[in-house]
């Protein structure tokens, strides 16, 4: 059964979220840290976490799969971050959704990631890696990626019509915006200290390494 783009993506922009980051934006640290205890409380969907619960450093990233800067970070910096810090138990990494323009498309991408079960992180990484390709035609691009992740036509349609899942993703983003001052993507909280923009490996190391000593 063919489903139009309008039907699949209608209503996904229920909450208007501010800001899209531009690739190459210089990182900046906030003058004050947020309340770490509140920051680390999971939202309605729980949290997507990699790394050890005993890690000395916790990084929370708010990102959007439609954000070029997020794609740049996840293709250029994240692989080294994961290998050097996350996989070695030094960092606990929490990833949270913050759909940016077009918010309905970003939300749909995150919905598919959630519906993929234990393939959440691999699917999100594919969306970042292939962003320039699928963004030209999101519906067909999502179908192609979802099929590779094991979706059927029916499970694909069912996922994108899950209003409860859509609303919960938007609640995660709204909490980031209202509770922690997230305005653009990517935004990172490193043990509660905010850093905004594309962080290189060396910039990440400068923020992380002092906290490991």
N, C-alpha and C. Protein backbone atom coordinates (compact mmCIF):
# COMPACT_ATOMS: atom_id res chain seq x y z
N UNK A 1 0.85 -1.20 0.00
CA UNK A 1 0.00 0.00 0.00
C UNK A 1 0.88 1.24 0.00
N UNK A 2 0.69 2.13 -0.97
CA UNK A 2 1.47 3.34 -1.05
C UNK A 2 0.88 4.41 -0.13
N UNK A 3 1.76 5.07 0.59
CA UNK A 3 1.32 6.12 1.50
C UNK A 3 2.04 7.40 1.11
N UNK A 4 1.32 8.49 0.98
CA UNK A 4 1.90 9.74 0.53
C UNK A 4 2.81 10.33 1.59
N UNK A 5 3.75 11.16 1.15
CA UNK A 5 4.63 11.87 2.08
C UNK A 5 3.80 12.68 3.07
N UNK A 6 2.73 13.31 2.58
CA UNK A 6 1.91 14.15 3.47
C UNK A 6 1.31 13.32 4.59
N UNK A 7 0.80 12.14 4.28
CA UNK A 7 0.19 11.30 5.31
C UNK A 7 1.22 10.82 6.31
N UNK A 8 2.39 10.44 5.82
CA UNK A 8 3.41 9.90 6.72
C UNK A 8 4.00 10.97 7.64
N UNK A 9 4.18 12.17 7.10
CA UNK A 9 4.89 13.19 7.85
C UNK A 9 3.98 14.27 8.43
N UNK A 10 2.67 14.20 8.14
CA UNK A 10 1.75 15.21 8.65
C UNK A 10 1.72 15.22 10.17
N UNK A 11 1.71 16.41 10.72
CA UNK A 11 1.56 16.56 12.16
C UNK A 11 2.83 16.38 12.96
N UNK A 12 3.96 16.10 12.29
CA UNK A 12 5.19 15.86 13.05
C UNK A 12 5.83 17.15 13.54
N UNK A 13 5.32 18.29 13.12
CA UNK A 13 5.88 19.57 13.56
C UNK A 13 5.01 20.20 14.64
N UNK A 14 4.42 19.39 15.52
CA UNK A 14 3.49 19.89 16.53
C UNK A 14 4.13 20.87 17.49
N UNK A 15 5.42 20.72 17.71
CA UNK A 15 6.12 21.66 18.59
C UNK A 15 7.17 22.37 17.77
N UNK A 16 7.11 23.69 17.71
CA UNK A 16 8.10 24.45 16.96
C UNK A 16 9.35 24.61 17.81
N UNK A 17 10.49 24.15 17.28
CA UNK A 17 11.75 24.24 18.01
C UNK A 17 12.67 25.23 17.31
N UNK A 18 13.39 25.99 18.09
CA UNK A 18 14.19 27.06 17.52
C UNK A 18 15.55 26.57 17.08
N UNK A 19 16.00 27.11 15.93
CA UNK A 19 17.40 27.03 15.60
C UNK A 19 17.86 25.82 14.84
N UNK A 20 18.73 26.06 13.85
CA UNK A 20 19.49 25.01 13.22
C UNK A 20 20.93 25.44 13.23
N UNK A 21 21.83 24.50 13.55
CA UNK A 21 23.23 24.85 13.61
C UNK A 21 23.84 24.80 12.22
N UNK A 22 24.89 25.56 12.02
CA UNK A 22 25.60 25.59 10.75
C UNK A 22 26.91 24.86 10.93
N UNK A 23 27.25 24.00 9.99
CA UNK A 23 28.50 23.25 10.09
C UNK A 23 29.66 24.22 10.20
N UNK A 24 30.54 23.96 11.15
CA UNK A 24 31.70 24.81 11.34
C UNK A 24 31.52 25.85 12.43
N UNK A 25 30.36 25.91 13.05
CA UNK A 25 30.14 26.84 14.15
C UNK A 25 31.14 26.60 15.26
N UNK A 26 31.77 27.66 15.74
CA UNK A 26 32.79 27.51 16.78
C UNK A 26 32.14 27.12 18.09
N UNK A 27 32.73 26.19 18.83
CA UNK A 27 32.17 25.80 20.12
C UNK A 27 32.33 26.89 21.14
N UNK A 28 31.42 26.96 22.08
CA UNK A 28 31.54 27.92 23.17
C UNK A 28 30.98 27.27 24.43
N UNK A 29 31.63 27.49 25.53
CA UNK A 29 31.20 26.91 26.79
C UNK A 29 30.31 27.90 27.52
N UNK A 30 29.28 27.41 28.17
CA UNK A 30 28.40 28.27 28.95
C UNK A 30 29.11 28.74 30.20
N UNK A 31 28.74 29.92 30.67
CA UNK A 31 29.37 30.47 31.86
C UNK A 31 29.06 29.64 33.09
N UNK A 32 27.89 29.02 33.10
CA UNK A 32 27.48 28.23 34.25
C UNK A 32 27.00 26.85 33.79
N UNK A 33 27.21 25.89 34.64
CA UNK A 33 26.73 24.56 34.36
C UNK A 33 25.25 24.47 34.70
N UNK A 34 24.57 23.52 34.11
CA UNK A 34 23.18 23.27 34.46
C UNK A 34 23.14 22.35 35.67
N UNK A 35 21.94 22.15 36.19
CA UNK A 35 21.77 21.22 37.30
C UNK A 35 21.99 19.80 36.77
N UNK A 36 23.10 19.19 37.16
CA UNK A 36 23.50 17.90 36.60
C UNK A 36 22.50 16.80 36.96
N UNK A 37 22.00 16.82 38.18
CA UNK A 37 21.05 15.80 38.61
C UNK A 37 19.79 15.84 37.74
N UNK A 38 19.31 17.04 37.46
CA UNK A 38 18.13 17.18 36.60
C UNK A 38 18.45 16.79 35.16
N UNK A 39 19.61 17.22 34.70
CA UNK A 39 20.03 16.92 33.33
C UNK A 39 20.08 15.42 33.07
N UNK A 40 20.56 14.68 34.05
CA UNK A 40 20.76 13.24 33.86
C UNK A 40 19.50 12.41 34.08
N UNK A 41 18.41 13.06 34.49
CA UNK A 41 17.15 12.32 34.61
C UNK A 41 16.62 12.02 33.21
N UNK A 42 16.28 10.78 32.92
CA UNK A 42 15.75 10.46 31.59
C UNK A 42 14.37 11.03 31.35
N UNK A 43 14.04 11.23 30.09
CA UNK A 43 12.73 11.74 29.70
C UNK A 43 11.73 10.61 29.52
N UNK A 44 10.63 10.88 28.82
CA UNK A 44 9.55 9.89 28.69
C UNK A 44 9.94 8.64 27.92
N UNK A 45 10.98 8.73 27.10
CA UNK A 45 11.42 7.57 26.33
C UNK A 45 12.61 6.86 26.96
N UNK A 46 12.99 7.30 28.16
CA UNK A 46 14.23 6.79 28.72
C UNK A 46 15.37 7.47 28.00
N UNK A 47 16.59 6.99 28.17
CA UNK A 47 17.73 7.57 27.48
C UNK A 47 18.43 6.52 26.65
N UNK A 48 19.03 6.96 25.55
CA UNK A 48 19.88 6.12 24.74
C UNK A 48 21.32 6.36 25.19
N UNK A 49 21.93 5.32 25.75
CA UNK A 49 23.21 5.48 26.44
C UNK A 49 24.24 4.48 25.93
N UNK A 50 25.46 4.97 25.79
CA UNK A 50 26.61 4.13 25.50
C UNK A 50 27.66 4.38 26.57
N UNK A 51 28.45 3.35 26.90
CA UNK A 51 29.52 3.52 27.87
C UNK A 51 29.17 3.02 29.25
N UNK A 52 30.11 3.18 30.15
CA UNK A 52 29.98 2.64 31.49
C UNK A 52 29.23 3.58 32.43
N UNK A 53 28.38 3.00 33.28
CA UNK A 53 27.69 3.79 34.31
C UNK A 53 28.68 4.33 35.34
N UNK A 54 29.87 3.75 35.40
CA UNK A 54 30.89 4.15 36.37
C UNK A 54 31.86 5.18 35.79
N UNK A 55 31.63 5.64 34.58
CA UNK A 55 32.54 6.58 33.94
C UNK A 55 32.62 7.89 34.72
N UNK A 56 33.81 8.48 34.72
CA UNK A 56 34.03 9.73 35.43
C UNK A 56 33.37 10.92 34.73
N UNK A 57 33.14 10.78 33.44
CA UNK A 57 32.58 11.88 32.66
C UNK A 57 31.31 11.42 31.95
N UNK A 58 30.28 12.24 32.02
CA UNK A 58 29.05 11.99 31.28
C UNK A 58 28.83 13.11 30.28
N UNK A 59 28.65 12.74 29.03
CA UNK A 59 28.35 13.70 27.97
C UNK A 59 26.92 13.48 27.51
N UNK A 60 26.14 14.55 27.52
CA UNK A 60 24.79 14.53 26.97
C UNK A 60 24.82 15.35 25.69
N UNK A 61 24.41 14.74 24.59
CA UNK A 61 24.34 15.47 23.32
C UNK A 61 22.89 15.61 22.88
N UNK A 62 22.50 16.85 22.53
CA UNK A 62 21.23 17.09 21.88
C UNK A 62 21.54 17.34 20.40
N UNK A 63 20.89 16.56 19.54
CA UNK A 63 21.21 16.64 18.11
C UNK A 63 19.97 16.41 17.26
N UNK A 64 20.10 16.75 15.98
CA UNK A 64 19.04 16.53 15.01
C UNK A 64 19.61 15.85 13.78
N UNK A 65 18.90 14.87 13.24
CA UNK A 65 19.41 14.16 12.06
C UNK A 65 19.34 15.03 10.81
N UNK A 66 18.67 16.18 10.86
CA UNK A 66 18.64 17.10 9.72
C UNK A 66 19.67 18.21 9.85
N UNK A 67 20.48 18.17 10.88
CA UNK A 67 21.46 19.22 11.17
C UNK A 67 22.81 18.89 10.54
N UNK A 68 23.30 19.72 9.59
CA UNK A 68 24.60 19.46 8.96
C UNK A 68 25.76 19.44 9.96
N UNK A 69 25.68 20.30 10.97
CA UNK A 69 26.75 20.34 11.97
C UNK A 69 26.79 19.05 12.78
N UNK A 70 25.62 18.50 13.07
CA UNK A 70 25.56 17.23 13.81
C UNK A 70 26.15 16.11 12.97
N UNK A 71 25.83 16.12 11.67
CA UNK A 71 26.39 15.12 10.77
C UNK A 71 27.90 15.24 10.71
N UNK A 72 28.40 16.46 10.69
CA UNK A 72 29.85 16.68 10.67
C UNK A 72 30.50 16.12 11.93
N UNK A 73 29.88 16.39 13.08
CA UNK A 73 30.43 15.88 14.34
C UNK A 73 30.44 14.36 14.35
N UNK A 74 29.34 13.76 13.93
CA UNK A 74 29.21 12.30 14.03
C UNK A 74 30.03 11.55 12.99
N UNK A 75 30.43 12.21 11.93
CA UNK A 75 31.28 11.55 10.95
C UNK A 75 32.76 11.86 11.16
N UNK A 76 33.06 13.00 11.74
CA UNK A 76 34.46 13.43 11.85
C UNK A 76 35.05 13.26 13.26
N UNK A 77 34.24 13.52 14.29
CA UNK A 77 34.75 13.49 15.67
C UNK A 77 34.29 12.27 16.45
N UNK A 78 33.03 11.93 16.32
CA UNK A 78 32.44 10.88 17.15
C UNK A 78 33.16 9.53 17.07
N UNK A 79 33.58 9.06 15.90
CA UNK A 79 34.27 7.76 15.86
C UNK A 79 35.49 7.69 16.77
N UNK A 80 36.28 8.77 16.82
CA UNK A 80 37.44 8.80 17.70
C UNK A 80 37.01 8.91 19.15
N UNK A 81 35.99 9.72 19.42
CA UNK A 81 35.46 9.86 20.78
C UNK A 81 35.01 8.51 21.31
N UNK A 82 34.30 7.76 20.48
CA UNK A 82 33.79 6.45 20.89
C UNK A 82 34.93 5.48 21.17
N UNK A 83 35.88 5.42 20.27
CA UNK A 83 36.98 4.47 20.41
C UNK A 83 37.87 4.81 21.61
N UNK A 84 38.17 6.09 21.79
CA UNK A 84 39.13 6.49 22.83
C UNK A 84 38.51 6.62 24.21
N UNK A 85 37.26 7.04 24.28
CA UNK A 85 36.67 7.35 25.59
C UNK A 85 35.46 6.48 25.96
N UNK A 86 34.54 6.30 25.02
CA UNK A 86 33.30 5.57 25.35
C UNK A 86 33.58 4.08 25.49
N UNK A 87 34.23 3.50 24.50
CA UNK A 87 34.49 2.05 24.51
C UNK A 87 35.46 1.63 25.61
N UNK A 88 36.26 2.58 26.12
CA UNK A 88 37.22 2.27 27.18
C UNK A 88 36.67 2.54 28.58
N UNK A 89 35.39 2.95 28.66
CA UNK A 89 34.76 3.14 29.96
C UNK A 89 35.03 4.48 30.62
N UNK A 90 35.64 5.41 29.88
CA UNK A 90 35.97 6.71 30.47
C UNK A 90 34.80 7.69 30.38
N UNK A 91 33.92 7.46 29.41
CA UNK A 91 32.80 8.37 29.18
C UNK A 91 31.49 7.60 29.10
N UNK A 92 30.49 8.15 29.72
CA UNK A 92 29.10 7.69 29.57
C UNK A 92 28.44 8.69 28.63
N UNK A 93 27.96 8.21 27.49
CA UNK A 93 27.45 9.08 26.43
C UNK A 93 25.94 8.92 26.31
N UNK A 94 25.23 10.04 26.47
CA UNK A 94 23.77 10.05 26.38
C UNK A 94 23.36 10.87 25.16
N UNK A 95 22.58 10.27 24.29
CA UNK A 95 22.13 10.95 23.07
C UNK A 95 20.65 11.28 23.18
N UNK A 96 20.31 12.54 22.91
CA UNK A 96 18.91 12.97 22.98
C UNK A 96 18.49 13.70 21.72
N UNK A 97 17.22 13.53 21.36
CA UNK A 97 16.68 14.10 20.13
C UNK A 97 16.28 15.56 20.32
N UNK A 98 16.64 16.37 19.35
CA UNK A 98 16.24 17.78 19.33
C UNK A 98 15.97 18.16 17.87
N UNK A 99 14.80 17.75 17.34
CA UNK A 99 14.53 17.96 15.91
C UNK A 99 14.56 19.44 15.51
N UNK A 100 15.37 19.74 14.49
CA UNK A 100 15.44 21.09 13.95
C UNK A 100 14.99 21.07 12.50
N UNK A 101 14.87 22.24 11.93
CA UNK A 101 14.25 22.42 10.62
C UNK A 101 14.84 21.52 9.53
N UNK A 102 13.94 20.87 8.78
CA UNK A 102 12.49 20.78 9.00
C UNK A 102 12.19 19.77 10.11
N UNK A 103 11.58 20.28 11.16
CA UNK A 103 11.39 19.49 12.38
C UNK A 103 10.60 18.21 12.14
N UNK A 104 9.61 18.27 11.23
CA UNK A 104 8.80 17.09 11.00
C UNK A 104 9.62 15.96 10.36
N UNK A 105 10.59 16.33 9.52
CA UNK A 105 11.45 15.32 8.90
C UNK A 105 12.40 14.73 9.92
N UNK A 106 13.02 15.58 10.74
CA UNK A 106 13.93 15.10 11.77
C UNK A 106 13.21 14.19 12.75
N UNK A 107 12.00 14.58 13.13
CA UNK A 107 11.22 13.76 14.06
C UNK A 107 10.93 12.39 13.46
N UNK A 108 10.58 12.37 12.18
CA UNK A 108 10.30 11.09 11.51
C UNK A 108 11.53 10.20 11.53
N UNK A 109 12.71 10.78 11.30
CA UNK A 109 13.94 9.99 11.34
C UNK A 109 14.18 9.39 12.70
N UNK A 110 13.95 10.17 13.74
CA UNK A 110 14.13 9.66 15.10
C UNK A 110 13.08 8.60 15.44
N UNK A 111 11.88 8.76 14.94
CA UNK A 111 10.84 7.75 15.17
C UNK A 111 11.28 6.40 14.61
N UNK A 112 11.83 6.41 13.42
CA UNK A 112 12.31 5.17 12.81
C UNK A 112 13.44 4.56 13.64
N UNK A 113 14.32 5.40 14.17
CA UNK A 113 15.40 4.89 15.00
C UNK A 113 14.86 4.19 16.24
N UNK A 114 13.85 4.78 16.87
CA UNK A 114 13.24 4.16 18.04
C UNK A 114 12.53 2.87 17.68
N UNK A 115 11.86 2.86 16.55
CA UNK A 115 11.13 1.66 16.14
C UNK A 115 12.05 0.52 15.73
N UNK A 116 13.33 0.83 15.51
CA UNK A 116 14.28 -0.20 15.07
C UNK A 116 14.77 -1.07 16.22
N UNK A 117 14.38 -0.74 17.45
CA UNK A 117 14.78 -1.54 18.61
C UNK A 117 16.24 -1.34 18.95
N UNK A 118 17.01 -2.44 18.99
CA UNK A 118 18.41 -2.35 19.39
C UNK A 118 19.31 -1.79 18.29
N UNK A 119 18.72 -1.36 17.17
CA UNK A 119 19.50 -0.76 16.08
C UNK A 119 19.45 0.77 16.14
N UNK A 120 19.02 1.32 17.27
CA UNK A 120 18.86 2.78 17.38
C UNK A 120 20.13 3.52 16.98
N UNK A 121 21.23 3.25 17.65
CA UNK A 121 22.46 3.99 17.36
C UNK A 121 22.98 3.74 15.95
N UNK A 122 23.02 2.49 15.47
CA UNK A 122 23.45 2.28 14.09
C UNK A 122 22.60 3.02 13.07
N UNK A 123 21.27 3.06 13.29
CA UNK A 123 20.41 3.72 12.33
C UNK A 123 20.63 5.24 12.36
N UNK A 124 20.79 5.81 13.56
CA UNK A 124 21.05 7.24 13.67
C UNK A 124 22.37 7.59 12.97
N UNK A 125 23.38 6.75 13.16
CA UNK A 125 24.67 7.02 12.52
C UNK A 125 24.55 6.96 11.00
N UNK A 126 23.75 6.04 10.48
CA UNK A 126 23.53 5.97 9.03
C UNK A 126 22.82 7.23 8.54
N UNK A 127 21.86 7.72 9.31
CA UNK A 127 21.16 8.95 8.93
C UNK A 127 22.13 10.13 8.87
N UNK A 128 23.10 10.18 9.78
CA UNK A 128 24.10 11.24 9.73
C UNK A 128 25.04 11.04 8.54
N UNK A 129 25.52 9.83 8.37
CA UNK A 129 26.49 9.55 7.30
C UNK A 129 25.90 9.79 5.92
N UNK A 130 24.62 9.49 5.74
CA UNK A 130 23.98 9.61 4.43
C UNK A 130 23.03 10.80 4.34
N UNK A 131 23.22 11.77 5.22
CA UNK A 131 22.29 12.90 5.32
C UNK A 131 22.11 13.62 3.99
N UNK A 132 23.18 13.90 3.29
CA UNK A 132 23.08 14.65 2.04
C UNK A 132 22.29 13.89 0.99
N UNK A 133 22.33 12.57 1.06
CA UNK A 133 21.64 11.74 0.09
C UNK A 133 20.15 11.66 0.37
N UNK A 134 19.78 11.25 1.59
CA UNK A 134 18.36 11.05 1.87
C UNK A 134 17.60 12.36 2.01
N UNK A 135 18.30 13.45 2.35
CA UNK A 135 17.61 14.72 2.59
C UNK A 135 16.98 15.26 1.31
N UNK A 136 17.47 14.84 0.14
CA UNK A 136 16.91 15.31 -1.13
C UNK A 136 15.48 14.81 -1.32
N UNK A 137 15.19 13.64 -0.76
CA UNK A 137 13.85 13.05 -0.83
C UNK A 137 13.65 12.24 0.44
N UNK A 138 13.29 12.89 1.56
CA UNK A 138 13.25 12.22 2.86
C UNK A 138 12.42 10.95 2.91
N UNK A 139 11.25 10.97 2.30
CA UNK A 139 10.38 9.81 2.38
C UNK A 139 11.03 8.58 1.73
N UNK A 140 11.51 8.76 0.52
CA UNK A 140 12.15 7.63 -0.17
C UNK A 140 13.46 7.26 0.50
N UNK A 141 14.19 8.27 0.98
CA UNK A 141 15.45 8.00 1.67
C UNK A 141 15.23 7.21 2.95
N UNK A 142 14.21 7.60 3.71
CA UNK A 142 13.89 6.87 4.94
C UNK A 142 13.45 5.44 4.63
N UNK A 143 12.67 5.28 3.57
CA UNK A 143 12.23 3.93 3.20
C UNK A 143 13.42 3.04 2.89
N UNK A 144 14.37 3.58 2.14
CA UNK A 144 15.55 2.80 1.77
C UNK A 144 16.36 2.40 3.00
N UNK A 145 16.60 3.34 3.89
CA UNK A 145 17.40 3.06 5.09
C UNK A 145 16.64 2.12 6.02
N UNK A 146 15.34 2.34 6.16
CA UNK A 146 14.54 1.48 7.03
C UNK A 146 14.52 0.04 6.52
N UNK A 147 14.44 -0.13 5.23
CA UNK A 147 14.44 -1.48 4.65
C UNK A 147 15.74 -2.19 4.98
N UNK A 148 16.85 -1.47 4.90
CA UNK A 148 18.15 -2.06 5.24
C UNK A 148 18.22 -2.44 6.71
N UNK A 149 17.43 -1.74 7.56
CA UNK A 149 17.41 -2.03 9.00
C UNK A 149 16.39 -3.10 9.36
N UNK A 150 15.70 -3.65 8.37
CA UNK A 150 14.77 -4.75 8.62
C UNK A 150 13.31 -4.39 8.66
N UNK A 151 12.97 -3.13 8.35
CA UNK A 151 11.56 -2.73 8.32
C UNK A 151 10.86 -3.32 7.10
N UNK A 152 9.59 -3.64 7.28
CA UNK A 152 8.72 -3.95 6.15
C UNK A 152 7.98 -2.67 5.78
N UNK A 153 7.26 -2.70 4.66
CA UNK A 153 6.44 -1.54 4.29
C UNK A 153 5.43 -1.23 5.39
N UNK A 154 4.84 -2.28 5.96
CA UNK A 154 3.83 -2.09 6.99
C UNK A 154 4.43 -1.54 8.28
N UNK A 155 5.54 -2.09 8.71
CA UNK A 155 6.15 -1.61 9.96
C UNK A 155 6.67 -0.19 9.80
N UNK A 156 7.12 0.17 8.61
CA UNK A 156 7.56 1.54 8.31
C UNK A 156 6.40 2.51 8.46
N UNK A 157 5.27 2.18 7.83
CA UNK A 157 4.08 3.04 7.90
C UNK A 157 3.55 3.14 9.33
N UNK A 158 3.51 2.00 10.01
CA UNK A 158 3.00 1.98 11.38
C UNK A 158 3.84 2.85 12.30
N UNK A 159 5.14 2.77 12.14
CA UNK A 159 6.04 3.57 12.98
C UNK A 159 5.79 5.06 12.79
N UNK A 160 5.72 5.51 11.55
CA UNK A 160 5.57 6.94 11.28
C UNK A 160 4.17 7.47 11.57
N UNK A 161 3.24 6.60 11.91
CA UNK A 161 1.92 7.05 12.32
C UNK A 161 1.69 6.90 13.82
N UNK A 162 2.78 6.67 14.56
CA UNK A 162 2.69 6.49 16.01
C UNK A 162 2.72 7.87 16.68
N UNK A 163 1.56 8.43 16.93
CA UNK A 163 1.48 9.78 17.50
C UNK A 163 2.08 9.86 18.90
N UNK A 164 1.95 8.81 19.68
CA UNK A 164 2.50 8.82 21.03
C UNK A 164 4.03 8.91 20.97
N UNK A 165 4.66 8.15 20.10
CA UNK A 165 6.11 8.20 19.94
C UNK A 165 6.56 9.57 19.46
N UNK A 166 5.84 10.12 18.49
CA UNK A 166 6.16 11.46 17.99
C UNK A 166 6.12 12.48 19.12
N UNK A 167 5.06 12.45 19.91
CA UNK A 167 4.90 13.42 21.00
C UNK A 167 5.99 13.26 22.05
N UNK A 168 6.38 12.04 22.35
CA UNK A 168 7.41 11.81 23.36
C UNK A 168 8.78 12.32 22.89
N UNK A 169 9.08 12.17 21.61
CA UNK A 169 10.32 12.71 21.06
C UNK A 169 10.32 14.24 21.17
N UNK A 170 9.20 14.84 20.86
CA UNK A 170 9.10 16.29 20.96
C UNK A 170 9.17 16.77 22.41
N UNK A 171 8.69 15.95 23.34
CA UNK A 171 8.81 16.29 24.77
C UNK A 171 10.26 16.29 25.21
N UNK A 172 11.05 15.34 24.69
CA UNK A 172 12.48 15.30 25.01
C UNK A 172 13.15 16.60 24.58
N UNK A 173 12.81 17.03 23.36
CA UNK A 173 13.40 18.26 22.84
C UNK A 173 12.92 19.49 23.61
N UNK A 174 11.65 19.53 23.92
CA UNK A 174 11.10 20.69 24.65
C UNK A 174 11.72 20.80 26.04
N UNK A 175 11.95 19.66 26.68
CA UNK A 175 12.60 19.68 27.99
C UNK A 175 14.03 20.21 27.87
N UNK A 176 14.71 19.82 26.81
CA UNK A 176 16.06 20.33 26.59
C UNK A 176 16.06 21.83 26.39
N UNK A 177 15.07 22.32 25.65
CA UNK A 177 14.97 23.75 25.37
C UNK A 177 14.57 24.54 26.61
N UNK A 178 13.50 24.11 27.27
CA UNK A 178 12.97 24.86 28.41
C UNK A 178 13.77 24.66 29.69
N UNK A 179 14.27 23.42 29.88
CA UNK A 179 14.94 23.11 31.13
C UNK A 179 16.42 23.38 31.15
N UNK A 180 17.08 23.26 29.98
CA UNK A 180 18.54 23.35 29.97
C UNK A 180 19.10 24.36 28.98
N UNK A 181 18.21 25.11 28.35
CA UNK A 181 18.66 26.20 27.49
C UNK A 181 19.20 25.78 26.14
N UNK A 182 18.82 24.60 25.66
CA UNK A 182 19.27 24.16 24.35
C UNK A 182 18.54 24.98 23.29
N UNK A 183 19.31 25.60 22.40
CA UNK A 183 18.71 26.45 21.36
C UNK A 183 19.10 26.01 19.95
N UNK A 184 20.17 25.26 19.84
CA UNK A 184 20.63 24.84 18.52
C UNK A 184 21.34 23.51 18.65
N UNK A 185 21.67 22.93 17.52
CA UNK A 185 22.33 21.62 17.53
C UNK A 185 23.62 21.69 16.73
N UNK A 186 24.62 20.90 17.14
CA UNK A 186 24.62 20.06 18.35
C UNK A 186 24.93 20.89 19.59
N UNK A 187 24.33 20.51 20.69
CA UNK A 187 24.65 21.07 22.00
C UNK A 187 25.08 19.94 22.91
N UNK A 188 26.21 20.13 23.58
CA UNK A 188 26.76 19.11 24.47
C UNK A 188 26.78 19.62 25.91
N UNK A 189 26.59 18.70 26.84
CA UNK A 189 26.79 18.99 28.26
C UNK A 189 27.82 17.99 28.75
N UNK A 190 28.98 18.49 29.14
CA UNK A 190 30.09 17.65 29.58
C UNK A 190 30.21 17.81 31.09
N UNK A 191 29.73 16.80 31.82
CA UNK A 191 29.57 16.91 33.28
C UNK A 191 28.82 18.19 33.65
N UNK A 192 27.82 18.51 32.84
CA UNK A 192 26.95 19.64 33.12
C UNK A 192 27.34 20.94 32.46
N UNK A 193 28.57 21.05 31.92
CA UNK A 193 29.01 22.30 31.28
C UNK A 193 28.62 22.29 29.81
N UNK A 194 27.93 23.33 29.39
CA UNK A 194 27.42 23.38 28.01
C UNK A 194 28.50 23.80 27.03
N UNK A 195 28.52 23.11 25.89
CA UNK A 195 29.35 23.50 24.76
C UNK A 195 28.50 23.38 23.51
N UNK A 196 28.53 24.39 22.65
CA UNK A 196 27.64 24.45 21.50
C UNK A 196 28.45 24.48 20.21
N UNK A 197 28.06 23.68 19.24
CA UNK A 197 28.70 23.71 17.94
C UNK A 197 29.48 22.44 17.64
N UNK A 198 30.15 22.44 16.50
CA UNK A 198 30.93 21.28 16.08
C UNK A 198 32.23 21.24 16.87
N UNK A 199 32.41 20.20 17.68
CA UNK A 199 33.64 20.05 18.46
C UNK A 199 34.57 19.07 17.76
N UNK A 200 35.80 19.50 17.52
CA UNK A 200 36.79 18.62 16.94
C UNK A 200 37.30 17.65 18.00
N UNK A 201 38.10 16.69 17.59
CA UNK A 201 38.67 15.74 18.54
C UNK A 201 39.53 16.48 19.57
N UNK A 202 40.37 17.39 19.11
CA UNK A 202 41.24 18.11 20.04
C UNK A 202 40.45 18.99 20.99
N UNK A 203 39.38 19.59 20.52
CA UNK A 203 38.54 20.42 21.39
C UNK A 203 37.83 19.55 22.42
N UNK A 204 37.39 18.38 22.02
CA UNK A 204 36.79 17.44 22.96
C UNK A 204 37.81 17.03 24.03
N UNK A 205 39.00 16.71 23.60
CA UNK A 205 40.04 16.27 24.53
C UNK A 205 40.34 17.34 25.58
N UNK A 206 40.36 18.61 25.16
CA UNK A 206 40.65 19.70 26.09
C UNK A 206 39.57 19.83 27.17
N UNK A 207 38.34 19.47 26.83
CA UNK A 207 37.25 19.54 27.78
C UNK A 207 37.14 18.29 28.65
N UNK A 208 37.50 17.17 28.07
CA UNK A 208 37.33 15.89 28.77
C UNK A 208 38.52 15.53 29.66
N UNK A 209 39.72 15.63 29.13
CA UNK A 209 40.90 15.11 29.83
C UNK A 209 41.11 15.67 31.23
N UNK A 210 40.89 16.98 31.46
CA UNK A 210 41.07 17.48 32.84
C UNK A 210 40.09 16.83 33.83
N UNK A 211 38.95 16.37 33.35
CA UNK A 211 37.97 15.76 34.23
C UNK A 211 38.31 14.31 34.56
N UNK A 212 39.25 13.74 33.86
CA UNK A 212 39.66 12.36 34.08
C UNK A 212 40.83 12.24 35.04
N UNK A 213 41.46 13.36 35.37
CA UNK A 213 42.63 13.34 36.24
C UNK A 213 42.22 13.29 37.72
